[in-house]
Amino acid sequence: MKYIIVSSMLLAALSPVLPAAAQEMKTDAMHHEMPAAAQSNAAPKVSGEIRKVDTDAGKITIRHGEIPNLDMPGMTMVFRVASPDMLGKVKAGDQVLFTAEKNNGALTVTSIELVPAK
């Protein structure tokens, strides 16, 4: 009987502290995990060669290496572009670094930059 009374008193004494401690642990864990989670969601830069630029259709054909975030091996394929301005920056034969993501079911180039000629 003493065990039940002591346990009840201990539980009553700690009950206001437990939710605050749990919240602090959750906040602390989220604070430390956020940068890693944000980094893993960033699309990697992939090297490629521009094969065709279709400004009318808003598409670009790129021969590229593996795109890990899309689980795609190297190949040549057509992508949409996130912004039509990207199409004016490149031409067939240019070597580029680009990022691609799946947006609304369409494979889309989200950034592109020229690789300086050697």
N, C-alpha and C. Protein backbone atom coordinates (compact mmCIF):
# COMPACT_ATOMS: atom_id res chain seq x y z
N MET A 1 0.81 -1.19 0.00
CA MET A 1 0.00 0.00 0.00
C MET A 1 0.87 1.27 0.00
N LYS A 2 1.97 1.25 0.80
CA LYS A 2 2.86 2.40 0.82
C LYS A 2 3.45 2.65 -0.57
N TYR A 3 3.73 1.58 -1.29
CA TYR A 3 4.30 1.68 -2.65
C TYR A 3 3.37 2.45 -3.57
N ILE A 4 2.09 2.17 -3.51
CA ILE A 4 1.10 2.84 -4.37
C ILE A 4 1.01 4.32 -4.00
N ILE A 5 1.01 4.63 -2.73
CA ILE A 5 0.91 6.02 -2.29
C ILE A 5 2.15 6.80 -2.70
N VAL A 6 3.33 6.23 -2.48
CA VAL A 6 4.58 6.90 -2.85
C VAL A 6 4.65 7.09 -4.36
N SER A 7 4.27 6.07 -5.13
CA SER A 7 4.27 6.16 -6.59
C SER A 7 3.31 7.23 -7.08
N SER A 8 2.15 7.31 -6.47
CA SER A 8 1.15 8.32 -6.85
C SER A 8 1.66 9.72 -6.55
N MET A 9 2.32 9.87 -5.42
CA MET A 9 2.84 11.18 -5.05
C MET A 9 3.98 11.59 -5.98
N LEU A 10 4.82 10.67 -6.33
CA LEU A 10 5.93 10.94 -7.24
C LEU A 10 5.41 11.32 -8.62
N LEU A 11 4.43 10.58 -9.10
CA LEU A 11 3.83 10.87 -10.40
C LEU A 11 3.16 12.23 -10.40
N ALA A 12 2.46 12.56 -9.33
CA ALA A 12 1.80 13.86 -9.22
C ALA A 12 2.82 14.99 -9.19
N ALA A 13 3.95 14.76 -8.53
CA ALA A 13 4.98 15.80 -8.44
C ALA A 13 5.66 16.03 -9.79
N LEU A 14 5.81 14.98 -10.57
CA LEU A 14 6.51 15.10 -11.85
C LEU A 14 5.60 15.45 -13.03
N SER A 15 4.30 15.30 -12.89
CA SER A 15 3.40 15.50 -14.02
C SER A 15 3.51 16.88 -14.67
N PRO A 16 3.70 17.98 -13.93
CA PRO A 16 3.86 19.27 -14.61
C PRO A 16 5.19 19.39 -15.36
N VAL A 17 6.20 18.64 -14.93
CA VAL A 17 7.54 18.73 -15.52
C VAL A 17 7.66 17.90 -16.79
N LEU A 18 7.00 16.77 -16.85
CA LEU A 18 7.17 15.85 -17.98
C LEU A 18 6.79 16.44 -19.33
N PRO A 19 5.64 17.11 -19.49
CA PRO A 19 5.32 17.68 -20.81
C PRO A 19 6.35 18.72 -21.26
N ALA A 20 6.83 19.55 -20.34
CA ALA A 20 7.81 20.56 -20.70
C ALA A 20 9.12 19.91 -21.13
N ALA A 21 9.54 18.87 -20.43
CA ALA A 21 10.77 18.17 -20.78
C ALA A 21 10.63 17.49 -22.14
N ALA A 22 9.47 16.91 -22.38
CA ALA A 22 9.24 16.26 -23.67
C ALA A 22 9.26 17.27 -24.80
N GLN A 23 8.64 18.43 -24.60
CA GLN A 23 8.63 19.48 -25.62
C GLN A 23 10.04 19.97 -25.90
N GLU A 24 10.84 20.16 -24.84
CA GLU A 24 12.21 20.62 -25.01
C GLU A 24 13.03 19.62 -25.81
N MET A 25 12.86 18.33 -25.52
CA MET A 25 13.58 17.29 -26.25
C MET A 25 13.17 17.31 -27.72
N LYS A 26 11.88 17.46 -27.99
CA LYS A 26 11.39 17.47 -29.37
C LYS A 26 11.95 18.68 -30.12
N THR A 27 11.91 19.86 -29.50
CA THR A 27 12.42 21.07 -30.13
C THR A 27 13.90 20.95 -30.38
N ASP A 28 14.65 20.43 -29.41
CA ASP A 28 16.09 20.27 -29.57
C ASP A 28 16.41 19.30 -30.70
N ALA A 29 15.68 18.20 -30.79
CA ALA A 29 15.91 17.22 -31.85
C ALA A 29 15.59 17.82 -33.21
N MET A 30 14.51 18.58 -33.30
CA MET A 30 14.15 19.21 -34.58
C MET A 30 15.21 20.21 -34.99
N HIS A 31 15.74 20.97 -34.03
CA HIS A 31 16.75 21.98 -34.32
C HIS A 31 17.99 21.35 -34.92
N HIS A 32 18.40 20.23 -34.41
CA HIS A 32 19.61 19.58 -34.89
C HIS A 32 19.39 18.82 -36.19
N GLU A 33 18.17 18.37 -36.45
CA GLU A 33 17.91 17.58 -37.64
C GLU A 33 17.61 18.43 -38.87
N MET A 34 17.16 19.65 -38.71
CA MET A 34 16.72 20.46 -39.84
C MET A 34 17.79 20.66 -40.91
N PRO A 35 19.01 21.05 -40.58
CA PRO A 35 19.98 21.27 -41.64
C PRO A 35 20.26 20.00 -42.45
N ALA A 36 20.35 18.86 -41.80
CA ALA A 36 20.61 17.61 -42.51
C ALA A 36 19.44 17.28 -43.42
N ALA A 37 18.23 17.45 -42.94
CA ALA A 37 17.05 17.17 -43.76
C ALA A 37 17.00 18.11 -44.94
N ALA A 38 17.30 19.37 -44.73
CA ALA A 38 17.28 20.33 -45.83
C ALA A 38 18.34 19.99 -46.86
N GLN A 39 19.52 19.57 -46.40
CA GLN A 39 20.58 19.20 -47.33
C GLN A 39 20.19 17.99 -48.17
N SER A 40 19.56 16.99 -47.57
CA SER A 40 19.25 15.78 -48.32
C SER A 40 18.17 16.03 -49.36
N ASN A 41 17.35 17.09 -49.17
CA ASN A 41 16.31 17.40 -50.14
C ASN A 41 16.82 18.23 -51.30
N ALA A 42 18.01 18.80 -51.20
CA ALA A 42 18.56 19.61 -52.28
C ALA A 42 18.90 18.71 -53.46
N ALA A 43 18.48 19.14 -54.65
CA ALA A 43 18.77 18.38 -55.87
C ALA A 43 20.25 18.53 -56.20
N PRO A 44 20.93 17.43 -56.53
CA PRO A 44 22.35 17.51 -56.86
C PRO A 44 22.57 18.10 -58.25
N LYS A 45 23.71 18.74 -58.42
CA LYS A 45 24.08 19.25 -59.75
C LYS A 45 24.59 18.08 -60.58
N VAL A 46 24.10 18.03 -61.82
CA VAL A 46 24.44 16.93 -62.73
C VAL A 46 25.09 17.53 -63.97
N SER A 47 26.12 16.88 -64.47
CA SER A 47 26.76 17.37 -65.69
C SER A 47 26.01 16.85 -66.90
N GLY A 48 26.01 17.66 -67.95
CA GLY A 48 25.32 17.27 -69.16
C GLY A 48 25.76 18.09 -70.35
N GLU A 49 25.27 17.70 -71.51
CA GLU A 49 25.53 18.42 -72.75
C GLU A 49 24.19 18.74 -73.40
N ILE A 50 24.01 20.01 -73.75
CA ILE A 50 22.78 20.42 -74.41
C ILE A 50 22.76 19.85 -75.82
N ARG A 51 21.67 19.16 -76.14
CA ARG A 51 21.52 18.58 -77.48
C ARG A 51 20.56 19.41 -78.32
N LYS A 52 19.53 20.00 -77.67
CA LYS A 52 18.54 20.78 -78.41
C LYS A 52 17.84 21.73 -77.45
N VAL A 53 17.54 22.94 -77.94
CA VAL A 53 16.78 23.92 -77.18
C VAL A 53 15.52 24.25 -77.98
N ASP A 54 14.35 24.00 -77.40
CA ASP A 54 13.07 24.26 -78.06
C ASP A 54 12.34 25.36 -77.28
N THR A 55 12.60 26.62 -77.69
CA THR A 55 12.01 27.75 -76.96
C THR A 55 10.49 27.80 -77.11
N ASP A 56 9.97 27.39 -78.26
CA ASP A 56 8.51 27.42 -78.46
C ASP A 56 7.79 26.49 -77.50
N ALA A 57 8.36 25.31 -77.29
CA ALA A 57 7.73 24.32 -76.41
C ALA A 57 8.16 24.48 -74.95
N GLY A 58 9.20 25.30 -74.70
CA GLY A 58 9.70 25.46 -73.33
C GLY A 58 10.40 24.21 -72.83
N LYS A 59 11.12 23.53 -73.76
CA LYS A 59 11.79 22.28 -73.40
C LYS A 59 13.24 22.30 -73.85
N ILE A 60 14.01 21.43 -73.22
CA ILE A 60 15.43 21.32 -73.52
C ILE A 60 15.82 19.85 -73.52
N THR A 61 16.64 19.45 -74.48
CA THR A 61 17.13 18.07 -74.55
C THR A 61 18.56 18.06 -74.04
N ILE A 62 18.83 17.20 -73.07
CA ILE A 62 20.15 17.13 -72.43
C ILE A 62 20.63 15.68 -72.39
N ARG A 63 21.88 15.48 -72.83
CA ARG A 63 22.55 14.19 -72.59
C ARG A 63 23.23 14.36 -71.24
N HIS A 64 22.85 13.53 -70.28
CA HIS A 64 23.28 13.76 -68.90
C HIS A 64 23.80 12.50 -68.24
N GLY A 65 24.48 12.72 -67.11
CA GLY A 65 24.91 11.62 -66.25
C GLY A 65 23.77 11.21 -65.34
N GLU A 66 24.08 10.36 -64.40
CA GLU A 66 23.08 9.88 -63.44
C GLU A 66 22.47 11.04 -62.66
N ILE A 67 21.15 10.98 -62.45
CA ILE A 67 20.45 11.97 -61.63
C ILE A 67 19.92 11.22 -60.41
N PRO A 68 20.69 11.24 -59.31
CA PRO A 68 20.36 10.43 -58.13
C PRO A 68 19.00 10.74 -57.51
N ASN A 69 18.62 12.01 -57.41
CA ASN A 69 17.36 12.33 -56.75
C ASN A 69 16.14 11.88 -57.56
N LEU A 70 16.32 11.60 -58.84
CA LEU A 70 15.24 11.07 -59.67
C LEU A 70 15.41 9.57 -59.93
N ASP A 71 16.46 8.99 -59.35
CA ASP A 71 16.77 7.57 -59.54
C ASP A 71 16.83 7.26 -61.03
N MET A 72 17.59 8.08 -61.77
CA MET A 72 17.66 7.98 -63.22
C MET A 72 19.11 7.78 -63.67
N PRO A 73 19.35 6.77 -64.52
CA PRO A 73 20.70 6.59 -65.04
C PRO A 73 21.00 7.65 -66.10
N GLY A 74 22.26 7.70 -66.52
CA GLY A 74 22.64 8.62 -67.58
C GLY A 74 21.93 8.26 -68.88
N MET A 75 21.50 9.29 -69.63
CA MET A 75 20.81 9.09 -70.90
C MET A 75 20.61 10.45 -71.56
N THR A 76 19.97 10.45 -72.71
CA THR A 76 19.58 11.70 -73.36
C THR A 76 18.07 11.79 -73.28
N MET A 77 17.57 12.94 -72.79
CA MET A 77 16.12 13.08 -72.68
C MET A 77 15.69 14.54 -72.71
N VAL A 78 14.40 14.73 -72.88
CA VAL A 78 13.80 16.06 -72.94
C VAL A 78 13.26 16.42 -71.56
N PHE A 79 13.53 17.65 -71.14
CA PHE A 79 13.04 18.18 -69.87
C PHE A 79 12.25 19.45 -70.13
N ARG A 80 11.32 19.75 -69.26
CA ARG A 80 10.73 21.08 -69.20
C ARG A 80 11.72 21.96 -68.44
N VAL A 81 11.53 23.27 -68.50
CA VAL A 81 12.36 24.17 -67.72
C VAL A 81 11.48 24.95 -66.75
N ALA A 82 12.01 25.23 -65.58
CA ALA A 82 11.25 25.95 -64.56
C ALA A 82 10.98 27.39 -65.00
N SER A 83 11.89 27.96 -65.77
CA SER A 83 11.75 29.34 -66.24
C SER A 83 12.18 29.42 -67.70
N PRO A 84 11.40 30.06 -68.56
CA PRO A 84 11.78 30.19 -69.97
C PRO A 84 13.11 30.92 -70.15
N ASP A 85 13.50 31.75 -69.18
CA ASP A 85 14.78 32.47 -69.27
C ASP A 85 15.97 31.53 -69.39
N MET A 86 15.84 30.34 -68.85
CA MET A 86 16.94 29.37 -68.89
C MET A 86 17.31 29.00 -70.33
N LEU A 87 16.32 28.97 -71.19
CA LEU A 87 16.56 28.54 -72.57
C LEU A 87 17.44 29.51 -73.34
N GLY A 88 17.42 30.78 -72.97
CA GLY A 88 18.24 31.78 -73.64
C GLY A 88 19.69 31.75 -73.20
N LYS A 89 20.00 31.03 -72.15
CA LYS A 89 21.36 30.99 -71.61
C LYS A 89 22.22 29.91 -72.26
N VAL A 90 21.61 28.96 -72.97
CA VAL A 90 22.35 27.82 -73.49
C VAL A 90 22.00 27.56 -74.95
N LYS A 91 22.88 26.79 -75.61
CA LYS A 91 22.64 26.38 -76.99
C LYS A 91 23.17 24.96 -77.17
N ALA A 92 22.79 24.32 -78.26
CA ALA A 92 23.24 22.96 -78.54
C ALA A 92 24.76 22.90 -78.50
N GLY A 93 25.28 21.87 -77.83
CA GLY A 93 26.72 21.67 -77.72
C GLY A 93 27.32 22.20 -76.43
N ASP A 94 26.59 23.05 -75.71
CA ASP A 94 27.11 23.60 -74.45
C ASP A 94 27.21 22.51 -73.39
N GLN A 95 28.29 22.56 -72.60
CA GLN A 95 28.44 21.70 -71.43
C GLN A 95 27.85 22.46 -70.24
N VAL A 96 27.03 21.78 -69.46
CA VAL A 96 26.33 22.44 -68.36
C VAL A 96 26.34 21.62 -67.08
N LEU A 97 26.05 22.29 -65.99
CA LEU A 97 25.69 21.66 -64.73
C LEU A 97 24.26 22.09 -64.47
N PHE A 98 23.40 21.12 -64.14
CA PHE A 98 21.99 21.44 -63.93
C PHE A 98 21.42 20.63 -62.80
N THR A 99 20.27 21.10 -62.30
CA THR A 99 19.50 20.33 -61.33
C THR A 99 18.14 20.06 -61.94
N ALA A 100 17.59 18.91 -61.60
CA ALA A 100 16.28 18.54 -62.13
C ALA A 100 15.45 17.93 -61.02
N GLU A 101 14.15 18.19 -61.08
CA GLU A 101 13.21 17.65 -60.11
C GLU A 101 11.93 17.26 -60.83
N LYS A 102 11.12 16.49 -60.16
CA LYS A 102 9.82 16.13 -60.70
C LYS A 102 8.81 17.12 -60.15
N ASN A 103 8.23 17.96 -61.01
CA ASN A 103 7.24 18.96 -60.62
C ASN A 103 5.93 18.66 -61.32
N ASN A 104 4.90 18.38 -60.54
CA ASN A 104 3.57 18.04 -61.09
C ASN A 104 3.66 16.93 -62.13
N GLY A 105 4.50 15.95 -61.86
CA GLY A 105 4.63 14.80 -62.74
C GLY A 105 5.56 15.00 -63.93
N ALA A 106 6.06 16.21 -64.13
CA ALA A 106 6.95 16.49 -65.26
C ALA A 106 8.39 16.65 -64.78
N LEU A 107 9.32 16.05 -65.50
CA LEU A 107 10.73 16.22 -65.18
C LEU A 107 11.14 17.62 -65.63
N THR A 108 11.64 18.40 -64.68
CA THR A 108 11.87 19.83 -64.91
C THR A 108 13.27 20.22 -64.49
N VAL A 109 13.97 20.95 -65.37
CA VAL A 109 15.26 21.53 -65.02
C VAL A 109 14.97 22.75 -64.16
N THR A 110 15.51 22.75 -62.94
CA THR A 110 15.25 23.84 -61.99
C THR A 110 16.37 24.85 -61.93
N SER A 111 17.57 24.48 -62.38
CA SER A 111 18.68 25.42 -62.48
C SER A 111 19.65 24.90 -63.54
N ILE A 112 20.36 25.81 -64.17
CA ILE A 112 21.32 25.42 -65.20
C ILE A 112 22.41 26.47 -65.26
N GLU A 113 23.66 26.01 -65.42
CA GLU A 113 24.78 26.92 -65.56
C GLU A 113 25.78 26.33 -66.55
N LEU A 114 26.40 27.22 -67.32
CA LEU A 114 27.41 26.79 -68.28
C LEU A 114 28.68 26.37 -67.57
N VAL A 115 29.31 25.33 -68.10
CA VAL A 115 30.64 24.93 -67.63
C VAL A 115 31.62 25.65 -68.54
N PRO A 116 32.53 26.42 -67.96
CA PRO A 116 33.50 27.16 -68.80
C PRO A 116 34.30 26.21 -69.70
N ALA A 117 34.50 26.62 -70.96
CA ALA A 117 35.30 25.83 -71.91
C ALA A 117 36.74 25.80 -71.45
N LYS A 118 37.38 24.66 -71.66
CA LYS A 118 38.79 24.51 -71.23
C LYS A 118 39.73 25.00 -72.27
